[in-house]
C-alpha atoms as a PDB file:
ATOM      1  CA  MET A   1       0.000   0.000   0.000  1.00  0.00           C
ATOM      2  CA  THR A   2       1.054   3.585  -0.329  1.00  0.00           C
ATOM      3  CA  PHE A   3       1.474   6.637   1.807  1.00  0.00           C
ATOM      4  CA  VAL A   4       0.001   9.930   0.618  1.00  0.00           C
ATOM      5  CA  ALA A   5       2.879  12.351   0.943  1.00  0.00           C
ATOM      6  CA  ALA A   6       2.300  15.370   3.129  1.00  0.00           C
ATOM      7  CA  VAL A   7       3.067  18.812   1.758  1.00  0.00           C
ATOM      8  CA  CYS A   8       6.146  20.458   3.255  1.00  0.00           C
ATOM      9  CA  VAL A   9       6.010  24.225   3.595  1.00  0.00           C
ATOM     10  CA  LEU A  10       9.523  25.527   4.172  1.00  0.00           C
ATOM     11  CA  ALA A  11      10.841  28.896   5.254  1.00  0.00           C
ATOM     12  CA  LEU A  12      14.509  29.809   5.598  1.00  0.00           C
ATOM     13  CA  ALA A  13      15.698  32.390   8.108  1.00  0.00           C
ATOM     14  CA  ARG A  14      16.774  35.572   6.365  1.00  0.00           C
ATOM     15  CA  SER A  15      18.689  38.730   7.056  1.00  0.00           C
ATOM     16  CA  GLY A  16      17.248  42.203   6.601  1.00  0.00           C
ATOM     17  CA  ARG A  17      20.588  43.813   5.688  1.00  0.00           C
ATOM     18  CA  ALA A  18      20.521  46.187   2.731  1.00  0.00           C
ATOM     19  CA  ALA A  19      23.283  47.297   0.397  1.00  0.00           C
ATOM     20  CA  SER A  20      25.047  50.526   1.392  1.00  0.00           C
ATOM     21  CA  GLU A  21      26.323  51.466  -2.075  1.00  0.00           C
ATOM     22  CA  ALA A  22      25.185  54.669  -3.741  1.00  0.00           C
ATOM     23  CA  ALA A  23      22.182  54.239  -6.025  1.00  0.00           C
ATOM     24  CA  PRO A  24      22.902  54.116  -9.788  1.00  0.00           C
ATOM     25  CA  ALA A  25      21.780  57.085 -11.873  1.00  0.00           C
ATOM     26  CA  PRO A  26      18.250  56.797 -13.283  1.00  0.00           C
ATOM     27  CA  PHE A  27      17.708  56.408 -17.028  1.00  0.00           C
ATOM     28  CA  ALA A  28      15.178  58.478 -18.973  1.00  0.00           C
ATOM     29  CA  GLU A  29      14.495  58.825 -22.703  1.00  0.00           C
ATOM     30  CA  GLY A  30      11.859  61.159 -24.092  1.00  0.00           C
ATOM     31  CA  PHE A  31      13.243  61.277 -27.679  1.00  0.00           C
ATOM     32  CA  GLU A  32      13.612  65.044 -27.640  1.00  0.00           C
ATOM     33  CA  ALA A  33      17.334  65.065 -28.576  1.00  0.00           C
ATOM     34  CA  SER A  34      18.107  65.351 -32.286  1.00  0.00           C
ATOM     35  CA  ASN A  35      20.591  62.438 -32.249  1.00  0.00           C
ATOM     36  CA  THR A  36      18.357  59.864 -30.524  1.00  0.00           C
ATOM     37  CA  LEU A  37      17.723  57.805 -33.650  1.00  0.00           C
ATOM     38  CA  ALA A  38      21.375  57.884 -34.715  1.00  0.00           C
ATOM     39  CA  THR A  39      22.466  56.236 -31.462  1.00  0.00           C
ATOM     40  CA  ALA A  40      19.942  53.382 -31.706  1.00  0.00           C
ATOM     41  CA  ALA A  41      20.384  50.090 -33.570  1.00  0.00           C
ATOM     42  CA  VAL A  42      17.341  49.842 -35.829  1.00  0.00           C
ATOM     43  CA  GLN A  43      15.834  47.357 -38.236  1.00  0.00           C
ATOM     44  CA  GLY A  44      12.984  48.281 -40.550  1.00  0.00           C
ATOM     45  CA  GLN A  45      11.157  51.593 -40.579  1.00  0.00           C
ATOM     46  CA  VAL A  46      11.891  53.484 -37.341  1.00  0.00           C
ATOM     47  CA  ALA A  47      11.585  57.257 -36.992  1.00  0.00           C
ATOM     48  CA  ILE A  48      11.332  60.133 -34.540  1.00  0.00           C
ATOM     49  CA  GLN A  49       7.907  61.712 -34.935  1.00  0.00           C
ATOM     50  CA  ARG A  50       7.173  65.216 -33.753  1.00  0.00           C
ATOM     51  CA  GLY A  51       3.878  66.799 -32.812  1.00  0.00           C
ATOM     52  CA  SER A  52       2.017  63.746 -31.484  1.00  0.00           C
ATOM     53  CA  ALA A  53       4.076  62.672 -28.480  1.00  0.00           C
ATOM     54  CA  PHE A  54       2.765  61.561 -25.106  1.00  0.00           C
ATOM     55  CA  LYS A  55       4.893  64.241 -23.446  1.00  0.00           C
ATOM     56  CA  GLY A  56       6.973  66.989 -24.974  1.00  0.00           C
ATOM     57  CA  ASP A  57       7.301  67.225 -28.745  1.00  0.00           C
ATOM     58  CA  ALA A  58       8.774  63.897 -29.916  1.00  0.00           C
ATOM     59  CA  CYS A  59       8.264  60.161 -29.712  1.00  0.00           C
ATOM     60  CA  MET A  60       9.691  57.118 -31.503  1.00  0.00           C
ATOM     61  CA  THR A  61       7.536  55.295 -34.053  1.00  0.00           C
ATOM     62  CA  LEU A  62       7.925  51.858 -35.595  1.00  0.00           C
ATOM     63  CA  THR A  63       5.992  51.290 -38.818  1.00  0.00           C
ATOM     64  CA  ARG A  64       5.526  48.226 -41.002  1.00  0.00           C
ATOM     65  CA  ALA A  65       3.376  47.553 -44.060  1.00  0.00           C
ATOM     66  CA  LYS A  66       1.279  44.442 -44.491  1.00  0.00           C
ATOM     67  CA  VAL A  67       3.223  43.316 -47.575  1.00  0.00           C
ATOM     68  CA  VAL A  68       6.488  43.019 -45.609  1.00  0.00           C
ATOM     69  CA  MET A  69       4.992  41.825 -42.323  1.00  0.00           C
ATOM     70  CA  GLU A  70       6.490  38.319 -42.576  1.00  0.00           C
ATOM     71  CA  LYS A  71       9.765  39.352 -44.219  1.00  0.00           C
ATOM     72  CA  GLN A  72      11.016  42.412 -42.368  1.00  0.00           C
ATOM     73  CA  ARG A  73      12.023  42.707 -38.730  1.00  0.00           C
ATOM     74  CA  THR A  74      10.995  46.061 -37.220  1.00  0.00           C
ATOM     75  CA  GLU A  75      12.926  46.839 -34.053  1.00  0.00           C
ATOM     76  CA  ALA A  76      14.871  49.562 -32.255  1.00  0.00           C
ATOM     77  CA  ALA A  77      17.523  48.811 -29.628  1.00  0.00           C
ATOM     78  CA  LEU A  78      18.385  51.951 -27.666  1.00  0.00           C
ATOM     79  CA  PRO A  79      21.857  52.658 -26.244  1.00  0.00           C
ATOM     80  CA  THR A  80      22.846  50.840 -23.070  1.00  0.00           C
ATOM     81  CA  PHE A  81      22.968  52.429 -19.637  1.00  0.00           C
ATOM     82  CA  PRO A  82      24.730  51.169 -16.487  1.00  0.00           C
ATOM     83  CA  VAL A  83      22.796  49.032 -14.014  1.00  0.00           C
ATOM     84  CA  ARG A  84      23.533  46.761 -11.096  1.00  0.00           C
ATOM     85  CA  GLU A  85      21.883  43.902  -9.284  1.00  0.00           C
ATOM     86  CA  GLY A  86      18.654  44.816  -7.564  1.00  0.00           C
ATOM     87  CA  LEU A  87      15.122  46.021  -8.131  1.00  0.00           C
ATOM     88  CA  TRP A  88      14.404  48.517 -10.924  1.00  0.00           C
ATOM     89  CA  ASP A  89      11.191  50.399 -11.660  1.00  0.00           C
ATOM     90  CA  CYS A  90      10.721  50.663 -15.421  1.00  0.00           C
ATOM     91  CA  GLY A  91       8.213  52.822 -17.258  1.00  0.00           C
ATOM     92  CA  ALA A  92       6.990  53.514 -20.791  1.00  0.00           C
ATOM     93  CA  ALA A  93       4.182  55.241 -22.661  1.00  0.00           C
ATOM     94  CA  LEU A  94       2.801  53.307 -25.654  1.00  0.00           C
ATOM     95  CA  ARG A  95       0.355  54.047 -28.460  1.00  0.00           C
ATOM     96  CA  SER A  96      -0.660  51.685 -31.242  1.00  0.00           C
ATOM     97  CA  HIS A  97      -2.585  51.376 -34.483  1.00  0.00           C
ATOM     98  CA  LEU A  98      -1.943  47.721 -35.275  1.00  0.00           C
ATOM     99  CA  TYR A  99      -3.466  44.652 -36.847  1.00  0.00           C
ATOM    100  CA  SER A 100      -4.151  42.460 -33.792  1.00  0.00           C
ATOM    101  CA  PRO A 101      -6.392  39.410 -34.263  1.00  0.00           C
ATOM    102  CA  ASP A 102      -5.013  38.321 -30.881  1.00  0.00           C
ATOM    103  CA  SER A 103      -2.551  39.680 -28.329  1.00  0.00           C
ATOM    104  CA  SER A 104       0.459  37.974 -29.926  1.00  0.00           C
ATOM    105  CA  TYR A 105       0.208  40.565 -32.731  1.00  0.00           C
ATOM    106  CA  ASN A 106       1.587  43.548 -30.854  1.00  0.00           C
ATOM    107  CA  GLY A 107       4.125  46.225 -30.222  1.00  0.00           C
ATOM    108  CA  THR A 108       6.390  45.310 -27.320  1.00  0.00           C
ATOM    109  CA  ALA A 109       8.751  47.207 -25.016  1.00  0.00           C
ATOM    110  CA  ARG A 110      11.430  45.047 -23.394  1.00  0.00           C
ATOM    111  CA  LEU A 111      14.441  45.590 -21.164  1.00  0.00           C
ATOM    112  CA  GLU A 112      17.512  43.639 -22.265  1.00  0.00           C
ATOM    113  CA  VAL A 113      20.012  42.950 -19.469  1.00  0.00           C
ATOM    114  CA  LEU A 114      23.698  42.449 -20.302  1.00  0.00           C
ATOM    115  CA  ASP A 115      26.789  41.375 -18.363  1.00  0.00           C
ATOM    116  CA  ALA A 116      30.148  43.185 -18.270  1.00  0.00           C
ATOM    117  CA  ALA A 117      31.228  41.497 -21.530  1.00  0.00           C
ATOM    118  CA  GLY A 118      28.062  42.648 -23.317  1.00  0.00           C
ATOM    119  CA  LYS A 119      26.464  39.194 -23.337  1.00  0.00           C
ATOM    120  CA  SER A 120      22.677  39.209 -23.143  1.00  0.00           C
ATOM    121  CA  LEU A 121      21.438  37.699 -19.878  1.00  0.00           C
ATOM    122  CA  ASN A 122      17.709  38.203 -20.342  1.00  0.00           C
ATOM    123  CA  ARG A 123      15.035  40.141 -22.206  1.00  0.00           C
ATOM    124  CA  ILE A 124      12.281  41.178 -19.835  1.00  0.00           C
ATOM    125  CA  GLU A 125       8.905  42.075 -21.283  1.00  0.00           C
ATOM    126  CA  LEU A 126       7.703  45.372 -19.819  1.00  0.00           C
ATOM    127  CA  ALA A 127       4.551  46.174 -21.782  1.00  0.00           C
ATOM    128  CA  ILE A 128       2.650  45.412 -24.982  1.00  0.00           C
ATOM    129  CA  ALA A 129       0.235  47.446 -27.090  1.00  0.00           C
ATOM    130  CA  THR A 130      -2.352  45.917 -29.420  1.00  0.00           C
ATOM    131  CA  ALA A 131      -4.980  47.027 -31.937  1.00  0.00           C
ATOM    132  CA  ASP A 132      -5.995  50.715 -31.796  1.00  0.00           C
ATOM    133  CA  SER A 133      -4.903  52.062 -28.451  1.00  0.00           C
ATOM    134  CA  PRO A 134      -4.331  55.698 -27.400  1.00  0.00           C
ATOM    135  CA  TRP A 135      -1.367  56.724 -25.283  1.00  0.00           C
ATOM    136  CA  LYS A 136      -1.163  54.670 -22.112  1.00  0.00           C
ATOM    137  CA  THR A 137       1.523  54.549 -19.425  1.00  0.00           C
ATOM    138  CA  TYR A 138       2.963  51.319 -18.039  1.00  0.00           C
ATOM    139  CA  ARG A 139       5.021  50.605 -14.927  1.00  0.00           C
ATOM    140  CA  LYS A 140       6.768  47.374 -13.985  1.00  0.00           C
ATOM    141  CA  ARG A 141       9.262  46.460 -11.256  1.00  0.00           C
ATOM    142  CA  VAL A 142      11.924  44.035 -12.432  1.00  0.00           C
ATOM    143  CA  GLU A 143      14.735  42.199 -10.680  1.00  0.00           C
ATOM    144  CA  LEU A 144      18.220  42.258 -12.203  1.00  0.00           C
ATOM    145  CA  PRO A 145      20.757  39.488 -11.458  1.00  0.00           C
ATOM    146  CA  ALA A 146      24.137  39.762  -9.754  1.00  0.00           C
ATOM    147  CA  ASP A 147      26.072  39.787 -13.042  1.00  0.00           C
ATOM    148  CA  ALA A 148      23.999  42.591 -14.599  1.00  0.00           C
ATOM    149  CA  SER A 149      26.250  45.424 -15.798  1.00  0.00           C
ATOM    150  CA  SER A 150      24.187  47.329 -18.356  1.00  0.00           C
ATOM    151  CA  ALA A 151      20.719  47.328 -19.904  1.00  0.00           C
ATOM    152  CA  ARG A 152      18.855  48.778 -22.842  1.00  0.00           C
ATOM    153  CA  PHE A 153      15.289  49.179 -24.012  1.00  0.00           C
ATOM    154  CA  ILE A 154      14.284  47.187 -27.088  1.00  0.00           C
ATOM    155  CA  LEU A 155      11.127  48.167 -28.963  1.00  0.00           C
ATOM    156  CA  SER A 156       9.680  45.823 -31.563  1.00  0.00           C
ATOM    157  CA  MET A 157       6.663  44.910 -33.662  1.00  0.00           C
ATOM    158  CA  GLU A 158       5.665  41.265 -33.278  1.00  0.00           C
ATOM    159  CA  LYS A 159       3.904  39.525 -36.218  1.00  0.00           C
ATOM    160  CA  THR A 160       1.851  42.611 -37.022  1.00  0.00           C
ATOM    161  CA  TYR A 161       1.680  45.668 -39.269  1.00  0.00           C
ATOM    162  CA  GLY A 162       0.659  49.266 -38.687  1.00  0.00           C
ATOM    163  CA  GLU A 163       2.237  51.849 -36.384  1.00  0.00           C
ATOM    164  CA  PHE A 164       3.620  51.507 -32.859  1.00  0.00           C
ATOM    165  CA  ALA A 165       4.693  54.614 -30.925  1.00  0.00           C
ATOM    166  CA  VAL A 166       6.792  54.826 -27.746  1.00  0.00           C
ATOM    167  CA  ASP A 167       7.619  57.709 -25.415  1.00  0.00           C
ATOM    168  CA  GLU A 168       8.898  58.462 -21.900  1.00  0.00           C
ATOM    169  CA  LEU A 169      11.037  55.387 -21.254  1.00  0.00           C
ATOM    170  CA  SER A 170      12.531  55.224 -17.768  1.00  0.00           C
ATOM    171  CA  ALA A 171      14.419  52.924 -15.437  1.00  0.00           C
ATOM    172  CA  VAL A 172      15.048  53.844 -11.791  1.00  0.00           C
ATOM    173  CA  TYR A 173      16.934  51.780  -9.217  1.00  0.00           C
ATOM    174  CA  ALA A 174      14.506  50.916  -6.396  1.00  0.00           C
ATOM    175  CA  GLY A 175      16.823  49.106  -3.991  1.00  0.00           C
ATOM    176  CA  PRO A 176      18.588  45.825  -3.293  1.00  0.00           C
ATOM    177  CA  VAL A 177      16.964  42.431  -3.395  1.00  0.00           C
ATOM    178  CA  LEU A 178      16.757  41.280   0.216  1.00  0.00           C
ATOM    179  CA  ARG A 179      15.388  37.901  -0.812  1.00  0.00           C
ATOM    180  CA  THR A 180      18.490  35.812  -1.494  1.00  0.00           C
ATOM    181  CA  VAL A 181      16.780  32.401  -1.373  1.00  0.00           C
ATOM    182  CA  ARG A 182      15.771  31.588  -4.944  1.00  0.00           C
ATOM    183  CA  ALA A 183      14.283  28.144  -4.425  1.00  0.00           C
ATOM    184  CA  ILE A 184      13.676  25.558  -1.724  1.00  0.00           C
ATOM    185  CA  LYS A 185      13.219  22.082  -3.128  1.00  0.00           C
ATOM    186  CA  PHE A 186      12.482  18.710  -1.623  1.00  0.00           C
ATOM    187  CA  ALA A 187      12.676  15.299  -3.256  1.00  0.00           C
ATOM    188  CA  SER A 188      12.662  11.648  -2.310  1.00  0.00           C
ATOM    189  CA  THR A 189      13.596   8.315  -3.843  1.00  0.00           C
ATOM    190  CA  ALA A 190       9.913   7.265  -3.785  1.00  0.00           C
ATOM    191  CA  VAL A 191       8.180   7.628  -7.146  1.00  0.00           C
ATOM    192  CA  GLY A 192       5.748  10.521  -6.917  1.00  0.00           C
ATOM    193  CA  ASN A 193       6.640  10.880  -3.222  1.00  0.00           C
ATOM    194  CA  LEU A 194       4.321   7.950  -2.532  1.00  0.00           C
ATOM    195  CA  PHE A 195       5.869   5.679   0.080  1.00  0.00           C
ATOM    196  CA  LEU A 196       5.333   1.995   0.769  1.00  0.00           C
ATOM    197  CA  PRO A 197       4.896   1.221   4.478  1.00  0.00           C
ATOM    198  CA  GLU A 198       8.357  -0.378   4.680  1.00  0.00           C
ATOM    199  CA  GLN A 199      10.133   2.580   3.053  1.00  0.00           C
ATOM    200  CA  PRO A 200      11.931   5.191   5.166  1.00  0.00           C
ATOM    201  CA  LEU A 201      10.089   8.475   5.099  1.00  0.00           C
ATOM    202  CA  ARG A 202      12.919  10.806   4.098  1.00  0.00           C
ATOM    203  CA  PHE A 203      13.159  13.903   1.921  1.00  0.00           C
ATOM    204  CA  ASP A 204      16.256  15.617   0.570  1.00  0.00           C
ATOM    205  CA  VAL A 205      15.854  19.350   1.209  1.00  0.00           C
ATOM    206  CA  THR A 206      17.877  21.823  -0.862  1.00  0.00           C
ATOM    207  CA  ALA A 207      17.914  25.619  -0.583  1.00  0.00           C
ATOM    208  CA  GLU A 208      19.327  27.532  -3.590  1.00  0.00           C
ATOM    209  CA  CYS A 209      20.701  30.983  -2.733  1.00  0.00           C
ATOM    210  CA  THR A 210      22.299  33.865  -4.612  1.00  0.00           C
ATOM    211  CA  ARG A 211      24.586  34.780  -1.707  1.00  0.00           C
ATOM    212  CA  PRO A 212      26.283  32.808   1.051  1.00  0.00           C
ATOM    213  CA  ARG A 213      24.216  32.370   4.206  1.00  0.00           C
ATOM    214  CA  PRO A 214      25.774  32.498   7.685  1.00  0.00           C
ATOM    215  CA  GLU A 215      25.315  29.358   9.781  1.00  0.00           C
ATOM    216  CA  SER A 216      22.687  31.047  11.929  1.00  0.00           C
ATOM    217  CA  GLU A 217      20.460  31.374   8.842  1.00  0.00           C
ATOM    218  CA  ARG A 218      20.924  27.835   7.507  1.00  0.00           C
ATOM    219  CA  VAL A 219      17.803  26.475   9.149  1.00  0.00           C
ATOM    220  CA  ALA A 220      14.653  25.376   7.333  1.00  0.00           C
ATOM    221  CA  THR A 221      11.388  25.333   9.266  1.00  0.00           C
ATOM    222  CA  CYS A 222       9.056  22.676   7.878  1.00  0.00           C
ATOM    223  CA  VAL A 223       5.328  22.404   8.419  1.00  0.00           C
ATOM    224  CA  ILE A 224       3.569  19.179   7.470  1.00  0.00           C
ATOM    225  CA  ARG A 225       0.032  19.476   6.139  1.00  0.00           C
ATOM    226  CA  ASP A 226      -2.552  16.879   5.206  1.00  0.00           C
ATOM    227  CA  TYR A 227      -4.457  16.657   1.944  1.00  0.00           C
ATOM    228  CA  TRP A 228      -6.879  19.394   3.050  1.00  0.00           C
ATOM    229  CA  GLY A 229      -4.109  21.774   4.138  1.00  0.00           C
ATOM    230  CA  ALA A 230      -4.426  21.345   7.880  1.00  0.00           C
ATOM    231  CA  GLU A 231      -1.202  21.227   9.918  1.00  0.00           C
ATOM    232  CA  PHE A 232      -0.868  18.051  11.954  1.00  0.00           C
ATOM    233  CA  THR A 233       2.656  18.339  13.386  1.00  0.00           C
ATOM    234  CA  THR A 234       4.496  21.010  15.269  1.00  0.00           C
ATOM    235  CA  PRO A 235       6.998  22.890  13.055  1.00  0.00           C
ATOM    236  CA  LEU A 236      10.196  20.921  12.393  1.00  0.00           C
ATOM    237  CA  ARG A 237      13.582  22.606  12.176  1.00  0.00           C
ATOM    238  CA  VAL A 238      16.255  21.190   9.891  1.00  0.00           C
ATOM    239  CA  LYS A 239      19.872  22.365   9.868  1.00  0.00           C
ATOM    240  CA  LEU A 240      21.288  22.749   6.360  1.00  0.00           C
ATOM    241  CA  SER A 241      24.926  22.316   5.343  1.00  0.00           C
ATOM    242  CA  ALA A 242      26.873  23.784   2.427  1.00  0.00           C
ATOM    243  CA  ALA A 243      26.457  21.670  -0.717  1.00  0.00           C
ATOM    244  CA  GLY A 244      28.507  23.563  -3.314  1.00  0.00           C
ATOM    245  CA  THR A 245      27.253  25.488  -6.342  1.00  0.00           C
ATOM    246  CA  ASN A 246      24.694  24.111  -8.771  1.00  0.00           C
ATOM    247  CA  ALA A 247      24.495  24.385 -12.575  1.00  0.00           C
ATOM    248  CA  ASN A 248      22.645  27.726 -12.326  1.00  0.00           C
ATOM    249  CA  GLY A 249      25.482  29.255 -10.313  1.00  0.00           C
ATOM    250  CA  ARG A 250      23.421  29.281  -7.138  1.00  0.00           C
ATOM    251  CA  ILE A 251      24.890  28.403  -3.755  1.00  0.00           C
ATOM    252  CA  ALA A 252      23.232  25.258  -2.419  1.00  0.00           C
ATOM    253  CA  TYR A 253      22.562  24.166   1.155  1.00  0.00           C
ATOM    254  CA  ALA A 254      21.158  20.723   1.828  1.00  0.00           C
ATOM    255  CA  ALA A 255      19.786  18.482   4.565  1.00  0.00           C
ATOM    256  CA  VAL A 256      17.746  15.324   5.021  1.00  0.00           C
ATOM    257  CA  LEU A 257      14.285  15.655   6.519  1.00  0.00           C
ATOM    258  CA  ASP A 258      13.625  12.282   8.194  1.00  0.00           C
ATOM    259  CA  LEU A 259      10.008  11.718   9.181  1.00  0.00           C
ATOM    260  CA  THR A 260      10.370   7.974   9.774  1.00  0.00           C
ATOM    261  CA  GLY A 261       8.702   6.759  12.977  1.00  0.00           C
ATOM    262  CA  ARG A 262       6.778   9.942  13.723  1.00  0.00           C
ATOM    263  CA  ALA A 263       3.429   8.634  14.998  1.00  0.00           C
ATOM    264  CA  SER A 264       1.481  11.699  13.897  1.00  0.00           C
ATOM    265  CA  ILE A 265       2.558  11.030  10.312  1.00  0.00           C
ATOM    266  CA  THR A 266       2.755   7.255  10.065  1.00  0.00           C
ATOM    267  CA  ARG A 267      -0.883   6.994  11.152  1.00  0.00           C
ATOM    268  CA  PHE A 268      -1.624   7.955   7.536  1.00  0.00           C
ATOM    269  CA  MET A 269       0.101   4.748   6.368  1.00  0.00           C
ATOM    270  CA  ALA A 270      -2.368   2.278   4.904  1.00  0.00           C
ATOM    271  CA  LYS A 271      -2.297  -1.149   6.516  1.00  0.00           C
END
């Protein structure tokens, strides 16, 4: 017979320390400067349009005709600006007059994050505009990784034709990421975490972190719940030990959670 595995809810002790470095300079682009287009890497028909901006006099427009929709990439990659690890508040104003049978036909604003060598680490979607939409502002908080060195806004038309306009791009550093635990995982040798009565009831617990944790913080508190979510044990504390660095570059801490012989749990074993 089998044992229905209980759900483990884990929480790792954490520190509230914040970084003391000076905040990076904010980035802002309103397309008012005469050389804005010259400093961008563009594909397709991209222009600076004056007289119909969200704010000020100018905005950037991306335009594509139906006849070249499937052949021509329409995109503008703006110059990079310095960033660092942490939380960033990004903003944009978008306007669109696009063919959009569904939301995948759109104009998109993304933030591309690069490392010190200029290698792309990620492209984060910030906002999309579809169909006929007047000027609308968007705000999104994003989290940049430890190896982030610079970033740039990338504006593109996806699958569609028409006109896509962008104005008032911004990126402001909002503070450090205090959450250094990226994942807490548990696994067992039992298929599907379903245990036979004679099997030891053990889970391998692994915490993946972006920064080293002092020994005082290497403790996982585990709460066992039944199928309906009710707790039926007192919280269990498990001491984790350093387990090297995993393939994602995260620092791992591991322990074994042994529930074998606990009467409050083994009563769920089928006889």
